[in-house]
Amino acid sequence: MVQNEENSKVIEFKKQLIKLINHEIATRDKINKKEKRGGKPNKKEILAIERSAVEKTWEFYENKGYELMSVETDNVGWDLVAVKEKETLLIEVKGHKGNVIQFELTPNEYTQLKEQKNNYRVCVVRNALTSPDLMEFVPKKKMVAGYSLKTVEMKW
């Protein structure tokens, strides 16, 4: 009788263990699916987002009468130079896959923003892979904690 009782406890323990393992596997699979759907973009997607954002920004300024030049690979602290008559703008482009208004500046970009504040622009392109829209930001006057940006034009 004692042996039957021990066997039934072992069988019950195995059942609970299998149930726990199956639950953990199912949870891991759900997490993996979510990461694939909405997780970080892969390198190919990142390049597509960047390309779309630059193209949208280029089009935006070209439609305003600027001539543009790309300096994306020059590590100068901005991506595009836009010239119209005597005005030269230095444009940093930030792109997002989703409907996000958020960006970070590298230390070099931030330094250039401070040094070139009258000519510096940050353009954020949201929904870059579906229906891109652009927001243009320009530096405001110096604030107590540093520089802040204000939106000067939104193009939907």
N, C-alpha and C. Protein backbone atom coordinates (compact mmCIF):
# COMPACT_ATOMS: atom_id res chain seq x y z
N MET A 1 0.81 -1.18 0.00
CA MET A 1 0.00 0.00 0.00
C MET A 1 0.87 1.26 0.00
N VAL A 2 1.93 1.26 0.77
CA VAL A 2 2.83 2.40 0.82
C VAL A 2 3.46 2.64 -0.55
N GLN A 3 3.80 1.57 -1.23
CA GLN A 3 4.41 1.69 -2.55
C GLN A 3 3.43 2.30 -3.55
N ASN A 4 2.16 1.91 -3.51
CA ASN A 4 1.14 2.49 -4.39
C ASN A 4 0.96 3.98 -4.12
N GLU A 5 1.00 4.34 -2.83
CA GLU A 5 0.86 5.74 -2.45
C GLU A 5 2.04 6.56 -2.99
N GLU A 6 3.24 6.02 -2.86
CA GLU A 6 4.44 6.70 -3.37
C GLU A 6 4.38 6.81 -4.89
N ASN A 7 3.94 5.75 -5.55
CA ASN A 7 3.82 5.78 -7.01
C ASN A 7 2.83 6.84 -7.46
N SER A 8 1.70 6.94 -6.76
CA SER A 8 0.70 7.94 -7.15
C SER A 8 1.23 9.35 -6.90
N LYS A 9 2.03 9.54 -5.84
CA LYS A 9 2.65 10.85 -5.59
C LYS A 9 3.66 11.18 -6.69
N VAL A 10 4.42 10.19 -7.09
CA VAL A 10 5.40 10.39 -8.16
C VAL A 10 4.68 10.72 -9.47
N ILE A 11 3.63 10.00 -9.75
CA ILE A 11 2.86 10.24 -10.97
C ILE A 11 2.25 11.64 -10.94
N GLU A 12 1.71 12.03 -9.80
CA GLU A 12 1.13 13.37 -9.65
C GLU A 12 2.20 14.45 -9.81
N PHE A 13 3.36 14.23 -9.21
CA PHE A 13 4.46 15.17 -9.33
C PHE A 13 4.88 15.32 -10.79
N LYS A 14 4.99 14.22 -11.51
CA LYS A 14 5.37 14.25 -12.93
C LYS A 14 4.33 15.03 -13.74
N LYS A 15 3.06 14.83 -13.44
CA LYS A 15 1.99 15.54 -14.15
C LYS A 15 2.12 17.05 -13.93
N GLN A 16 2.35 17.44 -12.67
CA GLN A 16 2.49 18.86 -12.35
C GLN A 16 3.73 19.46 -13.02
N LEU A 17 4.80 18.68 -13.03
CA LEU A 17 6.04 19.13 -13.65
C LEU A 17 5.85 19.32 -15.16
N ILE A 18 5.20 18.38 -15.80
CA ILE A 18 4.93 18.48 -17.24
C ILE A 18 4.04 19.69 -17.53
N LYS A 19 3.03 19.90 -16.68
CA LYS A 19 2.14 21.04 -16.84
C LYS A 19 2.92 22.35 -16.72
N LEU A 20 3.81 22.44 -15.73
CA LEU A 20 4.62 23.63 -15.53
C LEU A 20 5.56 23.86 -16.72
N ILE A 21 6.18 22.81 -17.19
CA ILE A 21 7.09 22.93 -18.34
C ILE A 21 6.31 23.40 -19.57
N ASN A 22 5.16 22.83 -19.83
CA ASN A 22 4.34 23.23 -20.97
C ASN A 22 3.90 24.69 -20.87
N HIS A 23 3.56 25.11 -19.65
CA HIS A 23 3.19 26.51 -19.43
C HIS A 23 4.37 27.44 -19.74
N GLU A 24 5.55 27.08 -19.28
CA GLU A 24 6.74 27.89 -19.52
C GLU A 24 7.06 27.96 -21.01
N ILE A 25 6.92 26.85 -21.72
CA ILE A 25 7.17 26.83 -23.16
C ILE A 25 6.17 27.73 -23.88
N ALA A 26 4.89 27.63 -23.50
CA ALA A 26 3.86 28.46 -24.13
C ALA A 26 4.11 29.94 -23.87
N THR A 27 4.50 30.28 -22.66
CA THR A 27 4.79 31.68 -22.32
C THR A 27 5.98 32.18 -23.13
N ARG A 28 7.03 31.39 -23.23
CA ARG A 28 8.21 31.77 -24.01
C ARG A 28 7.85 31.97 -25.48
N ASP A 29 7.00 31.09 -26.02
CA ASP A 29 6.58 31.21 -27.43
C ASP A 29 5.79 32.50 -27.65
N LYS A 30 4.92 32.86 -26.70
CA LYS A 30 4.16 34.11 -26.83
C LYS A 30 5.10 35.31 -26.82
N ILE A 31 6.08 35.30 -25.94
CA ILE A 31 7.04 36.39 -25.85
C ILE A 31 7.83 36.49 -27.16
N ASN A 32 8.27 35.35 -27.68
CA ASN A 32 9.03 35.34 -28.94
C ASN A 32 8.20 35.89 -30.09
N LYS A 33 6.92 35.54 -30.15
CA LYS A 33 6.04 36.05 -31.21
C LYS A 33 5.89 37.55 -31.10
N LYS A 34 5.71 38.06 -29.87
CA LYS A 34 5.57 39.51 -29.67
C LYS A 34 6.84 40.23 -30.09
N GLU A 35 8.00 39.67 -29.75
CA GLU A 35 9.26 40.30 -30.12
C GLU A 35 9.42 40.36 -31.63
N LYS A 36 9.00 39.30 -32.32
CA LYS A 36 9.10 39.29 -33.77
C LYS A 36 8.16 40.30 -34.39
N ARG A 37 6.96 40.47 -33.83
CA ARG A 37 5.98 41.40 -34.37
C ARG A 37 6.35 42.84 -34.09
N GLY A 38 6.55 43.16 -32.82
CA GLY A 38 6.72 44.56 -32.45
C GLY A 38 8.04 44.86 -31.79
N GLY A 39 8.97 43.97 -31.89
CA GLY A 39 10.25 44.19 -31.22
C GLY A 39 11.13 45.14 -32.00
N LYS A 40 12.38 45.13 -31.66
CA LYS A 40 13.33 46.01 -32.33
C LYS A 40 13.45 45.62 -33.80
N PRO A 41 13.54 46.63 -34.67
CA PRO A 41 13.70 46.32 -36.08
C PRO A 41 15.07 45.72 -36.37
N ASN A 42 15.14 44.90 -37.41
CA ASN A 42 16.42 44.32 -37.80
C ASN A 42 17.20 45.35 -38.64
N LYS A 43 18.43 45.02 -38.97
CA LYS A 43 19.31 45.97 -39.67
C LYS A 43 18.71 46.42 -41.01
N LYS A 44 18.12 45.50 -41.75
CA LYS A 44 17.51 45.83 -43.04
C LYS A 44 16.36 46.83 -42.84
N GLU A 45 15.56 46.60 -41.81
CA GLU A 45 14.44 47.49 -41.53
C GLU A 45 14.93 48.86 -41.05
N ILE A 46 15.97 48.88 -40.24
CA ILE A 46 16.54 50.14 -39.78
C ILE A 46 17.02 50.98 -40.96
N LEU A 47 17.70 50.35 -41.90
CA LEU A 47 18.18 51.07 -43.08
C LEU A 47 17.01 51.60 -43.91
N ALA A 48 15.94 50.81 -44.02
CA ALA A 48 14.75 51.24 -44.77
C ALA A 48 14.09 52.45 -44.08
N ILE A 49 14.02 52.42 -42.76
CA ILE A 49 13.45 53.54 -41.99
C ILE A 49 14.29 54.80 -42.21
N GLU A 50 15.61 54.66 -42.09
CA GLU A 50 16.50 55.81 -42.28
C GLU A 50 16.37 56.38 -43.69
N ARG A 51 16.35 55.50 -44.68
CA ARG A 51 16.26 55.95 -46.08
C ARG A 51 14.95 56.69 -46.32
N SER A 52 13.86 56.14 -45.83
CA SER A 52 12.55 56.77 -45.99
C SER A 52 12.51 58.13 -45.30
N ALA A 53 13.08 58.22 -44.10
CA ALA A 53 13.08 59.48 -43.35
C ALA A 53 13.89 60.55 -44.09
N VAL A 54 15.03 60.18 -44.62
CA VAL A 54 15.86 61.13 -45.37
C VAL A 54 15.13 61.57 -46.64
N GLU A 55 14.51 60.62 -47.33
CA GLU A 55 13.78 60.97 -48.56
C GLU A 55 12.63 61.93 -48.28
N LYS A 56 11.88 61.69 -47.21
CA LYS A 56 10.76 62.56 -46.83
C LYS A 56 11.26 63.95 -46.46
N THR A 57 12.35 64.01 -45.72
CA THR A 57 12.92 65.30 -45.31
C THR A 57 13.45 66.05 -46.54
N TRP A 58 14.12 65.33 -47.42
CA TRP A 58 14.65 65.92 -48.65
C TRP A 58 13.50 66.55 -49.44
N GLU A 59 12.45 65.79 -49.61
CA GLU A 59 11.26 66.27 -50.35
C GLU A 59 10.65 67.50 -49.69
N PHE A 60 10.58 67.48 -48.36
CA PHE A 60 10.00 68.59 -47.59
C PHE A 60 10.73 69.90 -47.88
N TYR A 61 12.07 69.87 -47.80
CA TYR A 61 12.85 71.09 -48.02
C TYR A 61 12.94 71.45 -49.50
N GLU A 62 12.99 70.48 -50.35
CA GLU A 62 13.02 70.75 -51.80
C GLU A 62 11.74 71.48 -52.22
N ASN A 63 10.61 71.07 -51.66
CA ASN A 63 9.34 71.73 -51.95
C ASN A 63 9.30 73.16 -51.42
N LYS A 64 10.18 73.48 -50.47
CA LYS A 64 10.26 74.85 -49.94
C LYS A 64 11.30 75.68 -50.70
N GLY A 65 11.88 75.10 -51.76
CA GLY A 65 12.82 75.84 -52.60
C GLY A 65 14.28 75.70 -52.23
N TYR A 66 14.63 74.78 -51.35
CA TYR A 66 16.02 74.57 -50.95
C TYR A 66 16.72 73.60 -51.91
N GLU A 67 18.01 73.80 -52.08
CA GLU A 67 18.86 72.81 -52.74
C GLU A 67 19.52 72.02 -51.63
N LEU A 68 19.59 70.71 -51.81
CA LEU A 68 20.07 69.85 -50.72
C LEU A 68 21.31 69.07 -51.09
N MET A 69 22.05 68.73 -50.03
CA MET A 69 23.23 67.89 -50.16
C MET A 69 23.27 66.95 -48.96
N SER A 70 23.56 65.69 -49.20
CA SER A 70 23.67 64.71 -48.12
C SER A 70 25.09 64.70 -47.58
N VAL A 71 25.20 64.75 -46.25
CA VAL A 71 26.50 64.60 -45.57
C VAL A 71 26.39 63.50 -44.52
N GLU A 72 25.49 62.56 -44.76
CA GLU A 72 25.19 61.50 -43.79
C GLU A 72 26.42 60.71 -43.38
N THR A 73 27.34 60.48 -44.30
CA THR A 73 28.50 59.64 -43.99
C THR A 73 29.72 60.45 -43.53
N ASP A 74 29.57 61.76 -43.40
CA ASP A 74 30.70 62.62 -43.06
C ASP A 74 30.91 62.83 -41.56
N ASN A 75 30.00 62.35 -40.71
CA ASN A 75 30.11 62.48 -39.26
C ASN A 75 30.28 63.93 -38.81
N VAL A 76 29.47 64.82 -39.40
CA VAL A 76 29.58 66.24 -39.06
C VAL A 76 28.59 66.66 -37.98
N GLY A 77 27.61 65.80 -37.64
CA GLY A 77 26.64 66.14 -36.60
C GLY A 77 25.27 66.47 -37.17
N TRP A 78 25.09 66.30 -38.46
CA TRP A 78 23.81 66.45 -39.13
C TRP A 78 23.86 65.63 -40.41
N ASP A 79 22.70 65.42 -41.03
CA ASP A 79 22.61 64.53 -42.19
C ASP A 79 22.52 65.26 -43.53
N LEU A 80 21.83 66.39 -43.54
CA LEU A 80 21.59 67.11 -44.78
C LEU A 80 21.95 68.59 -44.63
N VAL A 81 22.37 69.18 -45.73
CA VAL A 81 22.57 70.63 -45.79
C VAL A 81 21.56 71.15 -46.81
N ALA A 82 20.79 72.15 -46.40
CA ALA A 82 19.79 72.76 -47.28
C ALA A 82 20.14 74.23 -47.48
N VAL A 83 20.23 74.65 -48.73
CA VAL A 83 20.62 76.03 -49.04
C VAL A 83 19.53 76.67 -49.89
N LYS A 84 19.17 77.89 -49.48
CA LYS A 84 18.18 78.69 -50.23
C LYS A 84 18.63 80.14 -50.11
N GLU A 85 19.06 80.69 -51.23
CA GLU A 85 19.61 82.04 -51.27
C GLU A 85 20.75 82.17 -50.26
N LYS A 86 20.61 83.00 -49.24
CA LYS A 86 21.70 83.20 -48.26
C LYS A 86 21.54 82.33 -47.02
N GLU A 87 20.48 81.56 -46.97
CA GLU A 87 20.20 80.73 -45.79
C GLU A 87 20.74 79.31 -45.98
N THR A 88 21.46 78.82 -44.96
CA THR A 88 21.95 77.44 -44.96
C THR A 88 21.44 76.75 -43.70
N LEU A 89 20.76 75.64 -43.88
CA LEU A 89 20.24 74.87 -42.75
C LEU A 89 21.01 73.56 -42.64
N LEU A 90 21.27 73.15 -41.40
CA LEU A 90 21.93 71.89 -41.08
C LEU A 90 20.88 71.00 -40.46
N ILE A 91 20.56 69.90 -41.12
CA ILE A 91 19.38 69.11 -40.76
C ILE A 91 19.77 67.72 -40.28
N GLU A 92 19.39 67.41 -39.05
CA GLU A 92 19.54 66.06 -38.51
C GLU A 92 18.21 65.35 -38.71
N VAL A 93 18.24 64.16 -39.29
CA VAL A 93 17.02 63.41 -39.60
C VAL A 93 16.89 62.22 -38.66
N LYS A 94 15.72 62.06 -38.07
CA LYS A 94 15.41 60.93 -37.20
C LYS A 94 14.15 60.25 -37.74
N GLY A 95 14.19 58.96 -37.91
CA GLY A 95 13.05 58.23 -38.44
C GLY A 95 12.54 57.20 -37.45
N HIS A 96 11.24 56.95 -37.52
CA HIS A 96 10.60 55.94 -36.67
C HIS A 96 9.66 55.09 -37.49
N LYS A 97 9.58 53.85 -37.11
CA LYS A 97 8.66 52.91 -37.74
C LYS A 97 7.22 53.21 -37.32
N GLY A 98 7.02 53.61 -36.10
CA GLY A 98 5.69 53.83 -35.55
C GLY A 98 5.34 55.30 -35.44
N ASN A 99 4.26 55.55 -34.73
CA ASN A 99 3.72 56.89 -34.57
C ASN A 99 4.34 57.55 -33.32
N VAL A 100 5.65 57.77 -33.38
CA VAL A 100 6.41 58.21 -32.21
C VAL A 100 7.06 59.57 -32.47
N ILE A 101 7.02 60.42 -31.46
CA ILE A 101 7.77 61.67 -31.53
C ILE A 101 8.79 61.59 -30.40
N GLN A 102 9.91 61.01 -30.72
CA GLN A 102 10.96 60.80 -29.72
C GLN A 102 12.27 60.63 -30.47
N PHE A 103 13.32 61.22 -29.95
CA PHE A 103 14.62 61.03 -30.57
C PHE A 103 15.72 61.35 -29.57
N GLU A 104 16.88 60.83 -29.87
CA GLU A 104 18.07 61.11 -29.09
C GLU A 104 19.10 61.72 -30.02
N LEU A 105 19.88 62.62 -29.49
CA LEU A 105 20.99 63.18 -30.24
C LEU A 105 22.29 62.59 -29.71
N THR A 106 23.20 62.29 -30.60
CA THR A 106 24.52 61.84 -30.18
C THR A 106 25.24 63.04 -29.56
N PRO A 107 26.32 62.81 -28.82
CA PRO A 107 27.07 63.95 -28.29
C PRO A 107 27.51 64.92 -29.39
N ASN A 108 27.93 64.39 -30.54
CA ASN A 108 28.34 65.24 -31.66
C ASN A 108 27.16 66.06 -32.19
N GLU A 109 26.00 65.43 -32.35
CA GLU A 109 24.81 66.14 -32.82
C GLU A 109 24.40 67.24 -31.84
N TYR A 110 24.45 66.93 -30.55
CA TYR A 110 24.08 67.91 -29.53
C TYR A 110 25.05 69.09 -29.52
N THR A 111 26.33 68.81 -29.66
CA THR A 111 27.33 69.88 -29.72
C THR A 111 27.06 70.78 -30.91
N GLN A 112 26.77 70.17 -32.05
CA GLN A 112 26.48 70.97 -33.24
C GLN A 112 25.20 71.77 -33.09
N LEU A 113 24.19 71.19 -32.45
CA LEU A 113 22.95 71.91 -32.18
C LEU A 113 23.25 73.18 -31.38
N LYS A 114 24.09 73.06 -30.35
CA LYS A 114 24.43 74.22 -29.52
C LYS A 114 25.24 75.25 -30.31
N GLU A 115 26.21 74.77 -31.09
CA GLU A 115 27.10 75.69 -31.82
C GLU A 115 26.43 76.31 -33.04
N GLN A 116 25.51 75.60 -33.64
CA GLN A 116 24.88 76.06 -34.88
C GLN A 116 23.38 76.33 -34.68
N LYS A 117 23.00 76.77 -33.49
CA LYS A 117 21.58 76.82 -33.12
C LYS A 117 20.70 77.63 -34.06
N ASN A 118 21.24 78.63 -34.73
CA ASN A 118 20.43 79.43 -35.65
C ASN A 118 20.13 78.70 -36.96
N ASN A 119 20.95 77.72 -37.29
CA ASN A 119 20.79 77.02 -38.57
C ASN A 119 20.44 75.55 -38.41
N TYR A 120 20.42 75.03 -37.20
CA TYR A 120 20.24 73.60 -36.96
C TYR A 120 18.76 73.24 -36.91
N ARG A 121 18.41 72.13 -37.51
CA ARG A 121 17.04 71.61 -37.48
C ARG A 121 17.10 70.11 -37.19
N VAL A 122 16.09 69.62 -36.50
CA VAL A 122 15.91 68.18 -36.32
C VAL A 122 14.56 67.85 -36.95
N CYS A 123 14.57 66.93 -37.89
CA CYS A 123 13.33 66.49 -38.54
C CYS A 123 13.05 65.06 -38.10
N VAL A 124 11.88 64.87 -37.52
CA VAL A 124 11.45 63.54 -37.09
C VAL A 124 10.38 63.06 -38.07
N VAL A 125 10.64 61.91 -38.66
CA VAL A 125 9.68 61.31 -39.60
C VAL A 125 9.08 60.09 -38.92
N ARG A 126 7.78 60.17 -38.67
CA ARG A 126 7.05 59.05 -38.06
C ARG A 126 6.46 58.18 -39.15
N ASN A 127 6.14 56.94 -38.77
CA ASN A 127 5.52 55.99 -39.71
C ASN A 127 6.30 55.93 -41.01
N ALA A 128 7.60 55.88 -40.91
CA ALA A 128 8.48 56.02 -42.06
C ALA A 128 8.27 54.95 -43.14
N LEU A 129 7.80 53.77 -42.76
CA LEU A 129 7.64 52.70 -43.74
C LEU A 129 6.23 52.56 -44.28
N THR A 130 5.28 53.31 -43.71
CA THR A 130 3.89 53.17 -44.16
C THR A 130 3.38 54.47 -44.75
N SER A 131 3.11 55.44 -43.92
CA SER A 131 2.64 56.75 -44.41
C SER A 131 3.42 57.84 -43.67
N PRO A 132 4.63 58.12 -44.15
CA PRO A 132 5.52 59.03 -43.44
C PRO A 132 4.94 60.43 -43.25
N ASP A 133 5.14 60.97 -42.06
CA ASP A 133 4.85 62.38 -41.81
C ASP A 133 6.04 62.98 -41.09
N LEU A 134 6.23 64.27 -41.26
CA LEU A 134 7.44 64.92 -40.79
C LEU A 134 7.11 66.04 -39.81
N MET A 135 7.93 66.13 -38.78
CA MET A 135 7.86 67.25 -37.84
C MET A 135 9.24 67.89 -37.81
N GLU A 136 9.27 69.20 -37.94
CA GLU A 136 10.53 69.94 -37.94
C GLU A 136 10.68 70.65 -36.60
N PHE A 137 11.83 70.50 -35.98
CA PHE A 137 12.12 71.15 -34.69
C PHE A 137 13.32 72.08 -34.87
N VAL A 138 13.25 73.23 -34.21
CA VAL A 138 14.38 74.17 -34.20
C VAL A 138 14.73 74.49 -32.75
N PRO A 139 15.99 74.80 -32.48
CA PRO A 139 16.38 75.13 -31.10
C PRO A 139 15.70 76.42 -30.63
N LYS A 140 15.32 76.44 -29.36
CA LYS A 140 14.81 77.65 -28.72
C LYS A 140 15.97 78.34 -28.02
N LYS A 141 15.67 79.49 -27.45
CA LYS A 141 16.69 80.17 -26.66
C LYS A 141 17.15 79.27 -25.52
N LYS A 142 18.32 79.55 -25.03
CA LYS A 142 18.90 78.73 -23.96
C LYS A 142 18.00 78.71 -22.73
N MET A 143 17.76 77.52 -22.23
CA MET A 143 16.95 77.33 -21.03
C MET A 143 17.91 77.09 -19.86
N VAL A 144 17.39 77.07 -18.65
CA VAL A 144 18.21 76.86 -17.46
C VAL A 144 18.97 75.54 -17.54
N ALA A 145 18.29 74.48 -17.96
CA ALA A 145 18.91 73.15 -17.98
C ALA A 145 19.56 72.83 -19.32
N GLY A 146 19.67 73.77 -20.22
CA GLY A 146 20.27 73.51 -21.52
C GLY A 146 19.36 73.98 -22.63
N TYR A 147 19.39 73.29 -23.73
CA TYR A 147 18.59 73.68 -24.89
C TYR A 147 17.35 72.83 -24.99
N SER A 148 16.27 73.45 -25.42
CA SER A 148 15.08 72.69 -25.71
C SER A 148 14.72 72.96 -27.17
N LEU A 149 13.82 72.19 -27.70
CA LEU A 149 13.43 72.35 -29.08
C LEU A 149 11.97 72.74 -29.15
N LYS A 150 11.62 73.51 -30.16
CA LYS A 150 10.21 73.82 -30.38
C LYS A 150 9.83 73.36 -31.78
N THR A 151 8.59 72.96 -31.92
CA THR A 151 8.09 72.55 -33.22
C THR A 151 7.76 73.82 -34.00
N VAL A 152 8.25 73.90 -35.22
CA VAL A 152 7.91 75.06 -36.03
C VAL A 152 7.01 74.69 -37.19
N GLU A 153 7.02 73.45 -37.60
CA GLU A 153 6.14 73.05 -38.69
C GLU A 153 5.88 71.57 -38.62
N MET A 154 4.65 71.23 -38.86
CA MET A 154 4.28 69.82 -38.93
C MET A 154 3.69 69.58 -40.31
N LYS A 155 4.17 68.56 -40.97
CA LYS A 155 3.68 68.22 -42.30
C LYS A 155 3.11 66.82 -42.22
N TRP A 156 1.80 66.71 -42.35
CA TRP A 156 1.14 65.41 -42.24
C TRP A 156 0.84 64.83 -43.58
